[in-house]
Amino acid sequence: MKKINSIKEAVLSEKAYKLMEKGVYVFLIDRQMKKNEIAKIINAQFAVDVTKVNIINFKPRKKRVTGTRKFTSISGGKKAIVWLSPGQTIEMLSSKGSKSKKAKKIKETATNKKED
């Protein structure tokens, strides 16, 4: 299987950000992927050690198109929940907490300048 198309994207939701703080990352993956393949790809792509991988299949849903009687299907797929070794993170997918710390530092420097 081609490695390029295996991992489609990272899931970036509130729940996923909370998990990222604990060293757990969620990815949308190809339906044919297996746990050991996912671990190898994540190790190679992000240079981290994967300790555990869980897989979740989710079924397609139907959504109604407003103003008509038609329904459209939103395709299902497969998610991989990946645990990293303690102390490791994927910098590309940094959590919101690190961004808010930067914002706090900027606010502190702005208030210090006003006081001077």
C-alpha atoms as a PDB file:
ATOM      1  CA  MET A   1       0.000   0.000   0.000  1.00  0.00           C
ATOM      2  CA  LYS A   2       1.243   3.486  -0.771  1.00  0.00           C
ATOM      3  CA  LYS A   3       2.293   5.417   2.305  1.00  0.00           C
ATOM      4  CA  ILE A   4       1.286   8.755   0.781  1.00  0.00           C
ATOM      5  CA  ASN A   5      -2.436   7.993   0.721  1.00  0.00           C
ATOM      6  CA  SER A   6      -2.539   5.994   3.966  1.00  0.00           C
ATOM      7  CA  ILE A   7      -2.883   8.837   6.471  1.00  0.00           C
ATOM      8  CA  LYS A   8      -5.426  11.299   5.138  1.00  0.00           C
ATOM      9  CA  GLU A   9      -5.423  13.991   7.836  1.00  0.00           C
ATOM     10  CA  ALA A  10      -5.228  14.650  11.544  1.00  0.00           C
ATOM     11  CA  VAL A  11      -8.428  15.150  13.495  1.00  0.00           C
ATOM     12  CA  LEU A  12      -8.368  18.604  15.122  1.00  0.00           C
ATOM     13  CA  SER A  13     -11.320  18.888  17.482  1.00  0.00           C
ATOM     14  CA  GLU A  14     -11.691  19.914  21.110  1.00  0.00           C
ATOM     15  CA  LYS A  15     -11.554  16.311  22.250  1.00  0.00           C
ATOM     16  CA  ALA A  16      -8.499  15.636  20.079  1.00  0.00           C
ATOM     17  CA  TYR A  17      -6.700  18.683  21.541  1.00  0.00           C
ATOM     18  CA  LYS A  18      -7.343  17.399  25.076  1.00  0.00           C
ATOM     19  CA  LEU A  19      -5.916  14.023  24.071  1.00  0.00           C
ATOM     20  CA  MET A  20      -2.847  15.692  22.511  1.00  0.00           C
ATOM     21  CA  GLU A  21      -1.890  17.055  25.927  1.00  0.00           C
ATOM     22  CA  LYS A  22      -1.640  13.434  27.110  1.00  0.00           C
ATOM     23  CA  GLY A  23       0.402  12.312  24.081  1.00  0.00           C
ATOM     24  CA  VAL A  24      -2.493  10.750  22.160  1.00  0.00           C
ATOM     25  CA  TYR A  25      -3.148  11.747  18.525  1.00  0.00           C
ATOM     26  CA  VAL A  26      -6.091  10.984  16.210  1.00  0.00           C
ATOM     27  CA  PHE A  27      -5.789  10.540  12.429  1.00  0.00           C
ATOM     28  CA  LEU A  28      -8.194   9.729   9.599  1.00  0.00           C
ATOM     29  CA  ILE A  29      -6.726   6.818   7.688  1.00  0.00           C
ATOM     30  CA  ASP A  30      -7.378   4.613   4.687  1.00  0.00           C
ATOM     31  CA  ARG A  31      -9.897   1.807   5.256  1.00  0.00           C
ATOM     32  CA  GLN A  32      -7.412  -0.950   4.419  1.00  0.00           C
ATOM     33  CA  MET A  33      -4.768   0.052   6.975  1.00  0.00           C
ATOM     34  CA  LYS A  34      -3.796  -2.209   9.863  1.00  0.00           C
ATOM     35  CA  LYS A  35      -2.417  -1.273  13.283  1.00  0.00           C
ATOM     36  CA  ASN A  36       1.182  -2.309  12.642  1.00  0.00           C
ATOM     37  CA  GLU A  37       1.248  -0.414   9.301  1.00  0.00           C
ATOM     38  CA  ILE A  38      -0.050   2.741  11.001  1.00  0.00           C
ATOM     39  CA  ALA A  39       2.599   2.514  13.719  1.00  0.00           C
ATOM     40  CA  LYS A  40       5.389   2.145  11.136  1.00  0.00           C
ATOM     41  CA  ILE A  41       4.158   5.098   9.070  1.00  0.00           C
ATOM     42  CA  ILE A  42       3.786   7.400  12.105  1.00  0.00           C
ATOM     43  CA  ASN A  43       7.277   6.386  13.308  1.00  0.00           C
ATOM     44  CA  ALA A  44       8.791   7.162   9.914  1.00  0.00           C
ATOM     45  CA  GLN A  45       6.866  10.341   9.151  1.00  0.00           C
ATOM     46  CA  PHE A  46       7.082  12.144  12.517  1.00  0.00           C
ATOM     47  CA  ALA A  47      10.178  10.477  14.100  1.00  0.00           C
ATOM     48  CA  VAL A  48       8.376   9.419  17.294  1.00  0.00           C
ATOM     49  CA  ASP A  49       7.893   6.092  19.107  1.00  0.00           C
ATOM     50  CA  VAL A  50       4.362   4.693  18.936  1.00  0.00           C
ATOM     51  CA  THR A  51       3.394   2.526  21.914  1.00  0.00           C
ATOM     52  CA  LYS A  52      -0.221   1.689  21.077  1.00  0.00           C
ATOM     53  CA  VAL A  53      -2.715   2.078  18.210  1.00  0.00           C
ATOM     54  CA  ASN A  54      -6.505   1.736  18.333  1.00  0.00           C
ATOM     55  CA  ILE A  55      -8.751   1.784  15.263  1.00  0.00           C
ATOM     56  CA  ILE A  56     -12.350   2.993  15.014  1.00  0.00           C
ATOM     57  CA  ASN A  57     -14.610   2.376  12.023  1.00  0.00           C
ATOM     58  CA  PHE A  58     -17.448   4.842  11.528  1.00  0.00           C
ATOM     59  CA  LYS A  59     -20.358   4.286   9.177  1.00  0.00           C
ATOM     60  CA  PRO A  60     -21.686   6.690   6.542  1.00  0.00           C
ATOM     61  CA  ARG A  61     -24.479   9.083   7.522  1.00  0.00           C
ATOM     62  CA  LYS A  62     -27.296  10.635   5.538  1.00  0.00           C
ATOM     63  CA  LYS A  63     -27.789  14.388   5.570  1.00  0.00           C
ATOM     64  CA  ARG A  64     -30.791  16.220   4.205  1.00  0.00           C
ATOM     65  CA  VAL A  65     -30.227  18.954   1.646  1.00  0.00           C
ATOM     66  CA  THR A  66     -32.143  22.025   2.820  1.00  0.00           C
ATOM     67  CA  GLY A  67     -35.004  23.233   0.668  1.00  0.00           C
ATOM     68  CA  THR A  68     -35.375  19.898  -1.139  1.00  0.00           C
ATOM     69  CA  ARG A  69     -36.511  16.366  -0.482  1.00  0.00           C
ATOM     70  CA  LYS A  70     -33.109  14.974  -1.332  1.00  0.00           C
ATOM     71  CA  PHE A  71     -30.609  13.273   0.946  1.00  0.00           C
ATOM     72  CA  THR A  72     -26.882  13.063   0.445  1.00  0.00           C
ATOM     73  CA  SER A  73     -24.571  10.593   2.112  1.00  0.00           C
ATOM     74  CA  ILE A  74     -21.529  11.667   4.068  1.00  0.00           C
ATOM     75  CA  SER A  75     -18.998   8.917   3.658  1.00  0.00           C
ATOM     76  CA  GLY A  76     -17.770   6.890   6.590  1.00  0.00           C
ATOM     77  CA  GLY A  77     -14.207   5.917   7.225  1.00  0.00           C
ATOM     78  CA  LYS A  78     -11.621   4.813   9.722  1.00  0.00           C
ATOM     79  CA  LYS A  79      -9.834   6.644  12.546  1.00  0.00           C
ATOM     80  CA  ALA A  80      -6.587   5.692  14.222  1.00  0.00           C
ATOM     81  CA  ILE A  81      -5.912   6.729  17.815  1.00  0.00           C
ATOM     82  CA  VAL A  82      -2.140   6.702  18.347  1.00  0.00           C
ATOM     83  CA  TRP A  83      -0.376   6.722  21.746  1.00  0.00           C
ATOM     84  CA  LEU A  84       3.189   8.028  21.829  1.00  0.00           C
ATOM     85  CA  SER A  85       5.877   7.236  24.397  1.00  0.00           C
ATOM     86  CA  PRO A  86       5.875   9.550  27.422  1.00  0.00           C
ATOM     87  CA  GLY A  87       7.421  12.961  26.788  1.00  0.00           C
ATOM     88  CA  GLN A  88       7.111  12.805  22.987  1.00  0.00           C
ATOM     89  CA  THR A  89       4.926  15.105  20.904  1.00  0.00           C
ATOM     90  CA  ILE A  90       4.284  15.849  17.264  1.00  0.00           C
ATOM     91  CA  GLU A  91       5.287  19.499  16.933  1.00  0.00           C
ATOM     92  CA  MET A  92       3.312  19.992  13.733  1.00  0.00           C
ATOM     93  CA  LEU A  93       0.098  19.235  15.631  1.00  0.00           C
ATOM     94  CA  SER A  94       0.802  21.259  18.758  1.00  0.00           C
ATOM     95  CA  SER A  95      -2.122  21.751  21.090  1.00  0.00           C
ATOM     96  CA  LYS A  96      -3.970  25.011  21.668  1.00  0.00           C
ATOM     97  CA  GLY A  97      -2.430  25.309  25.143  1.00  0.00           C
ATOM     98  CA  SER A  98       0.995  26.162  23.757  1.00  0.00           C
ATOM     99  CA  LYS A  99      -0.480  28.876  21.539  1.00  0.00           C
ATOM    100  CA  SER A 100      -2.319  30.479  24.450  1.00  0.00           C
ATOM    101  CA  LYS A 101       0.920  30.661  26.461  1.00  0.00           C
ATOM    102  CA  LYS A 102       2.463  32.687  23.642  1.00  0.00           C
ATOM    103  CA  ALA A 103      -0.545  35.005  23.645  1.00  0.00           C
ATOM    104  CA  LYS A 104      -0.190  35.510  27.421  1.00  0.00           C
ATOM    105  CA  LYS A 105       3.488  36.444  27.014  1.00  0.00           C
ATOM    106  CA  ILE A 106       2.578  39.016  24.360  1.00  0.00           C
ATOM    107  CA  LYS A 107      -0.082  40.535  26.628  1.00  0.00           C
ATOM    108  CA  GLU A 108       2.385  40.693  29.533  1.00  0.00           C
ATOM    109  CA  THR A 109       4.982  42.503  27.441  1.00  0.00           C
ATOM    110  CA  ALA A 110       2.342  44.938  26.185  1.00  0.00           C
ATOM    111  CA  THR A 111       1.235  45.782  29.743  1.00  0.00           C
ATOM    112  CA  ASN A 112       4.853  46.185  30.856  1.00  0.00           C
ATOM    113  CA  LYS A 113       5.463  48.673  28.024  1.00  0.00           C
ATOM    114  CA  LYS A 114       2.398  50.697  29.029  1.00  0.00           C
ATOM    115  CA  GLU A 115       3.585  50.880  32.635  1.00  0.00           C
ATOM    116  CA  ASP A 116       7.001  52.254  31.569  1.00  0.00           C
END
